[in-house]
C-alpha atoms as a PDB file:
ATOM      1  CA  MET A   1     115.569 166.962  11.079  1.00  0.00           C
ATOM      2  CA  ASN A   2     113.082 166.822   7.944  1.00  0.00           C
ATOM      3  CA  ILE A   3     113.609 163.452   8.175  1.00  0.00           C
ATOM      4  CA  LYS A   4     112.273 162.709  11.762  1.00  0.00           C
ATOM      5  CA  THR A   5     109.255 165.508  10.903  1.00  0.00           C
ATOM      6  CA  PHE A   6     108.241 163.392   7.581  1.00  0.00           C
ATOM      7  CA  GLY A   7     108.840 160.137  10.340  1.00  0.00           C
ATOM      8  CA  ALA A   8     106.429 161.912  12.091  1.00  0.00           C
ATOM      9  CA  LEU A   9     103.361 162.365  10.187  1.00  0.00           C
ATOM     10  CA  ALA A  10     103.652 159.078   8.997  1.00  0.00           C
ATOM     11  CA  ILE A  11     103.006 157.743  12.475  1.00  0.00           C
ATOM     12  CA  VAL A  12      99.935 160.147  13.081  1.00  0.00           C
ATOM     13  CA  ALA A  13      98.542 159.280   9.288  1.00  0.00           C
ATOM     14  CA  LEU A  14      98.709 155.305   9.653  1.00  0.00           C
ATOM     15  CA  LEU A  15      97.644 155.669  13.853  1.00  0.00           C
ATOM     16  CA  ALA A  16      94.506 158.134  12.266  1.00  0.00           C
ATOM     17  CA  ALA A  17      93.678 155.028   9.085  1.00  0.00           C
ATOM     18  CA  CYS A  18      94.284 152.284  12.133  1.00  0.00           C
ATOM     19  CA  SER A  19      92.130 153.544  14.316  1.00  0.00           C
ATOM     20  CA  ASP A  20      87.854 152.232  14.881  1.00  0.00           C
ATOM     21  CA  SER A  21      85.413 154.302  12.891  1.00  0.00           C
ATOM     22  CA  PRO A  22      81.910 153.259  13.017  1.00  0.00           C
ATOM     23  CA  THR A  23      81.335 154.282   9.572  1.00  0.00           C
ATOM     24  CA  THR A  24      82.992 151.501   8.031  1.00  0.00           C
ATOM     25  CA  MET A  25      81.043 148.499  10.379  1.00  0.00           C
ATOM     26  CA  THR A  26      78.006 147.321   9.690  1.00  0.00           C
ATOM     27  CA  GLU A  27      75.351 146.492  12.277  1.00  0.00           C
ATOM     28  CA  THR A  28      74.111 142.882  12.250  1.00  0.00           C
ATOM     29  CA  LYS A  29      71.179 141.641  14.691  1.00  0.00           C
ATOM     30  CA  GLY A  30      70.425 137.710  16.311  1.00  0.00           C
ATOM     31  CA  ALA A  31      71.710 134.920  14.502  1.00  0.00           C
ATOM     32  CA  GLY A  32      71.512 136.972  10.921  1.00  0.00           C
ATOM     33  CA  ALA A  33      68.157 137.223  11.058  1.00  0.00           C
ATOM     34  CA  GLY A  34      67.190 140.981   8.993  1.00  0.00           C
ATOM     35  CA  ALA A  35      70.125 142.385   8.996  1.00  0.00           C
ATOM     36  CA  ALA A  36      70.980 145.545   7.429  1.00  0.00           C
ATOM     37  CA  SER A  37      73.546 144.988   5.888  1.00  0.00           C
ATOM     38  CA  ALA A  38      75.522 147.709   3.388  1.00  0.00           C
ATOM     39  CA  GLY A  39      77.996 146.899   0.645  1.00  0.00           C
ATOM     40  CA  ILE A  40      76.577 142.409   0.808  1.00  0.00           C
ATOM     41  CA  VAL A  41      76.115 141.326  -2.593  1.00  0.00           C
ATOM     42  CA  PRO A  42      72.518 140.106  -2.728  1.00  0.00           C
ATOM     43  CA  GLY A  43      72.674 136.094  -3.208  1.00  0.00           C
ATOM     44  CA  SER A  44      75.427 135.705  -1.884  1.00  0.00           C
ATOM     45  CA  GLN A  45      76.898 133.821   0.948  1.00  0.00           C
ATOM     46  CA  GLU A  46      77.591 136.897   3.915  1.00  0.00           C
ATOM     47  CA  ASP A  47      73.912 138.257   2.543  1.00  0.00           C
ATOM     48  CA  LEU A  48      73.008 134.686   3.723  1.00  0.00           C
ATOM     49  CA  VAL A  49      74.581 134.875   6.836  1.00  0.00           C
ATOM     50  CA  ALA A  50      73.626 138.990   8.096  1.00  0.00           C
ATOM     51  CA  ASN A  51      69.706 138.151   6.338  1.00  0.00           C
ATOM     52  CA  VAL A  52      69.218 134.838   7.200  1.00  0.00           C
ATOM     53  CA  GLY A  53      71.428 133.401   8.760  1.00  0.00           C
ATOM     54  CA  ASP A  54      73.836 130.109   8.244  1.00  0.00           C
ATOM     55  CA  ARG A  55      72.717 127.912  10.716  1.00  0.00           C
ATOM     56  CA  VAL A  56      69.727 126.098  13.231  1.00  0.00           C
ATOM     57  CA  PHE A  57      70.579 123.812  16.443  1.00  0.00           C
ATOM     58  CA  PHE A  58      69.448 120.725  18.154  1.00  0.00           C
ATOM     59  CA  GLY A  59      69.216 119.302  21.107  1.00  0.00           C
ATOM     60  CA  PHE A  60      71.367 116.818  22.853  1.00  0.00           C
ATOM     61  CA  ASP A  61      71.719 113.589  20.852  1.00  0.00           C
ATOM     62  CA  LYS A  62      68.806 114.716  18.507  1.00  0.00           C
ATOM     63  CA  SER A  63      68.250 115.533  14.717  1.00  0.00           C
ATOM     64  CA  ALA A  64      64.433 117.011  15.344  1.00  0.00           C
ATOM     65  CA  LEU A  65      63.733 120.895  13.963  1.00  0.00           C
ATOM     66  CA  SER A  66      62.842 122.831  17.344  1.00  0.00           C
ATOM     67  CA  ALA A  67      60.911 126.512  16.803  1.00  0.00           C
ATOM     68  CA  ASP A  68      63.432 128.544  16.241  1.00  0.00           C
ATOM     69  CA  SER A  69      65.816 125.778  13.872  1.00  0.00           C
ATOM     70  CA  LYS A  70      61.702 125.812  11.217  1.00  0.00           C
ATOM     71  CA  SER A  71      62.354 129.618  11.990  1.00  0.00           C
ATOM     72  CA  THR A  72      65.421 130.154  10.102  1.00  0.00           C
ATOM     73  CA  LEU A  73      64.732 127.080   7.223  1.00  0.00           C
ATOM     74  CA  ASP A  74      62.125 129.357   6.950  1.00  0.00           C
ATOM     75  CA  ARG A  75      63.818 132.176   5.690  1.00  0.00           C
ATOM     76  CA  GLN A  76      66.223 129.731   4.159  1.00  0.00           C
ATOM     77  CA  SER A  77      63.905 128.923   2.493  1.00  0.00           C
ATOM     78  CA  ALA A  78      62.429 131.943   1.026  1.00  0.00           C
ATOM     79  CA  TRP A  79      65.593 133.073  -0.001  1.00  0.00           C
ATOM     80  CA  LEU A  80      66.520 130.403  -1.606  1.00  0.00           C
ATOM     81  CA  ALA A  81      63.352 131.048  -3.535  1.00  0.00           C
ATOM     82  CA  LYS A  82      64.054 135.148  -4.108  1.00  0.00           C
ATOM     83  CA  TYR A  83      67.137 133.325  -5.519  1.00  0.00           C
ATOM     84  CA  SER A  84      66.310 130.874  -7.711  1.00  0.00           C
ATOM     85  CA  SER A  85      69.988 129.774  -9.255  1.00  0.00           C
ATOM     86  CA  ASN A  86      71.369 129.638  -5.897  1.00  0.00           C
ATOM     87  CA  ASN A  87      72.547 125.663  -4.785  1.00  0.00           C
ATOM     88  CA  VAL A  88      73.580 124.663  -1.083  1.00  0.00           C
ATOM     89  CA  GLN A  89      75.420 122.323   0.702  1.00  0.00           C
ATOM     90  CA  ILE A  90      74.541 121.699   4.569  1.00  0.00           C
ATOM     91  CA  ALA A  91      76.484 120.221   7.020  1.00  0.00           C
ATOM     92  CA  GLY A  92      75.355 118.845  10.187  1.00  0.00           C
ATOM     93  CA  ASN A  93      78.212 119.393  13.232  1.00  0.00           C
ATOM     94  CA  CYS A  94      77.582 117.461  16.871  1.00  0.00           C
ATOM     95  CA  ASP A  95      79.724 117.893  19.794  1.00  0.00           C
ATOM     96  CA  GLU A  96      83.328 116.031  21.126  1.00  0.00           C
ATOM     97  CA  ARG A  97      80.807 114.162  23.163  1.00  0.00           C
ATOM     98  CA  GLY A  98      80.236 110.044  21.503  1.00  0.00           C
ATOM     99  CA  THR A  99      82.553 108.199  18.748  1.00  0.00           C
ATOM    100  CA  GLU A 100      83.310 109.462  15.458  1.00  0.00           C
ATOM    101  CA  GLU A 101      80.940 107.075  13.788  1.00  0.00           C
ATOM    102  CA  TYR A 102      77.981 107.969  15.668  1.00  0.00           C
ATOM    103  CA  ASN A 103      78.668 110.861  14.709  1.00  0.00           C
ATOM    104  CA  ILE A 104      79.008 111.379  11.844  1.00  0.00           C
ATOM    105  CA  ALA A 105      75.669 109.352  10.899  1.00  0.00           C
ATOM    106  CA  LEU A 106      74.075 111.906  13.735  1.00  0.00           C
ATOM    107  CA  GLY A 107      75.806 114.449  11.640  1.00  0.00           C
ATOM    108  CA  ALA A 108      73.243 113.121   8.708  1.00  0.00           C
ATOM    109  CA  ARG A 109      70.629 113.053  10.145  1.00  0.00           C
ATOM    110  CA  ARG A 110      70.535 116.572  11.259  1.00  0.00           C
ATOM    111  CA  ALA A 111      71.838 117.776   7.703  1.00  0.00           C
ATOM    112  CA  SER A 112      68.685 115.522   5.987  1.00  0.00           C
ATOM    113  CA  SER A 113      66.472 116.807   8.159  1.00  0.00           C
ATOM    114  CA  ALA A 114      67.417 120.756   6.457  1.00  0.00           C
ATOM    115  CA  ARG A 115      67.361 119.587   3.623  1.00  0.00           C
ATOM    116  CA  ASP A 116      63.798 117.842   4.105  1.00  0.00           C
ATOM    117  CA  TYR A 117      62.261 120.797   5.486  1.00  0.00           C
ATOM    118  CA  LEU A 118      63.554 122.736   3.128  1.00  0.00           C
ATOM    119  CA  VAL A 119      61.985 120.312   0.264  1.00  0.00           C
ATOM    120  CA  ALA A 120      59.216 120.835   2.251  1.00  0.00           C
ATOM    121  CA  LYS A 121      58.861 124.380   2.131  1.00  0.00           C
ATOM    122  CA  GLY A 122      59.656 123.838  -1.989  1.00  0.00           C
ATOM    123  CA  VAL A 123      62.820 124.329  -2.697  1.00  0.00           C
ATOM    124  CA  ALA A 124      64.051 120.937  -5.659  1.00  0.00           C
ATOM    125  CA  GLY A 125      66.069 118.938  -3.716  1.00  0.00           C
ATOM    126  CA  GLY A 126      68.059 118.745  -6.832  1.00  0.00           C
ATOM    127  CA  ARG A 127      69.636 122.202  -5.525  1.00  0.00           C
ATOM    128  CA  ILE A 128      70.474 120.553  -2.471  1.00  0.00           C
ATOM    129  CA  THR A 129      73.420 118.983  -0.966  1.00  0.00           C
ATOM    130  CA  THR A 130      74.032 117.303   2.497  1.00  0.00           C
ATOM    131  CA  ILE A 131      77.486 116.578   4.151  1.00  0.00           C
ATOM    132  CA  SER A 132      78.236 115.698   7.402  1.00  0.00           C
ATOM    133  CA  TYR A 133      81.526 117.195   9.696  1.00  0.00           C
ATOM    134  CA  GLY A 134      80.307 114.892  12.636  1.00  0.00           C
ATOM    135  CA  LYS A 135      83.050 116.481  15.762  1.00  0.00           C
ATOM    136  CA  ASP A 136      85.741 116.794  13.170  1.00  0.00           C
ATOM    137  CA  ARG A 137      84.657 120.622  11.821  1.00  0.00           C
ATOM    138  CA  PRO A 138      83.732 122.361  14.820  1.00  0.00           C
ATOM    139  CA  VAL A 139      82.587 125.776  15.608  1.00  0.00           C
ATOM    140  CA  ALA A 140      83.469 126.936  19.284  1.00  0.00           C
ATOM    141  CA  LEU A 141      86.216 125.797  21.134  1.00  0.00           C
ATOM    142  CA  GLY A 142      85.886 123.618  24.947  1.00  0.00           C
ATOM    143  CA  SER A 143      84.751 120.886  26.526  1.00  0.00           C
ATOM    144  CA  ASN A 144      81.583 122.263  28.321  1.00  0.00           C
ATOM    145  CA  GLU A 145      77.904 123.111  27.318  1.00  0.00           C
ATOM    146  CA  ASP A 146      77.979 125.804  25.836  1.00  0.00           C
ATOM    147  CA  ALA A 147      80.378 125.281  22.910  1.00  0.00           C
ATOM    148  CA  TRP A 148      78.524 121.941  22.863  1.00  0.00           C
ATOM    149  CA  LYS A 149      75.316 123.651  21.937  1.00  0.00           C
ATOM    150  CA  GLN A 150      77.466 125.507  19.279  1.00  0.00           C
ATOM    151  CA  ASN A 151      78.331 122.791  18.142  1.00  0.00           C
ATOM    152  CA  ARG A 152      75.587 121.051  17.824  1.00  0.00           C
ATOM    153  CA  ASN A 153      74.683 122.435  14.140  1.00  0.00           C
ATOM    154  CA  ALA A 154      73.621 122.623  10.490  1.00  0.00           C
ATOM    155  CA  ILE A 155      75.300 124.982   8.529  1.00  0.00           C
ATOM    156  CA  THR A 156      73.675 125.804   5.221  1.00  0.00           C
ATOM    157  CA  SER A 157      76.494 126.844   2.575  1.00  0.00           C
ATOM    158  CA  VAL A 158      75.848 129.099  -1.041  1.00  0.00           C
ATOM    159  CA  ARG A 159      77.775 126.808  -3.809  1.00  0.00           C
END
C-alpha cells in the first residue's frame, strides 16, 4: 500500500513540475525590439534577438533595405556600439525560387547591404563578416508567399 501512495505522490509532483507557470516565461514584443528580458546575459545572442532584433527582411528579388530594415539596423548599430567587443556575422538568405547560383549571389548582396548600412552608422567593418546561404537555410517551410517573405532575410549573429 505504501508503494501505491508513494507512486501517486510522485505522479502529482511530476505533473506540478510540468505545469504552465508564467513565472518562468518572459514576454517579448514584436521582432525583439524593446522586450523585457529577465535572465538574458547582456551582449549575448539572446540579448540581440530579444531586445534589438536579429533580422531584416527584403522584397522579392531585392537587396535594398526598407525603412523597417533600417530601423532594425539602427538598433543593431547602437547595440554594437554598446558591446564594442562583440563581432557579428550577417547571413543573407533567399526563398526557394531561383537557381542555386542566383540565390547565393542575391543572399550575398543582402548580407552586404546590411553590413554596409551598419558600417555607415559607425560600426567598424572589421567586426562584421558576411556569408550567403542562398536558399539552403529557410526559417519557414512552405511554398507560399508567407514562407517566402520570412526566408528573404539577412540574419545577424554574435560571433
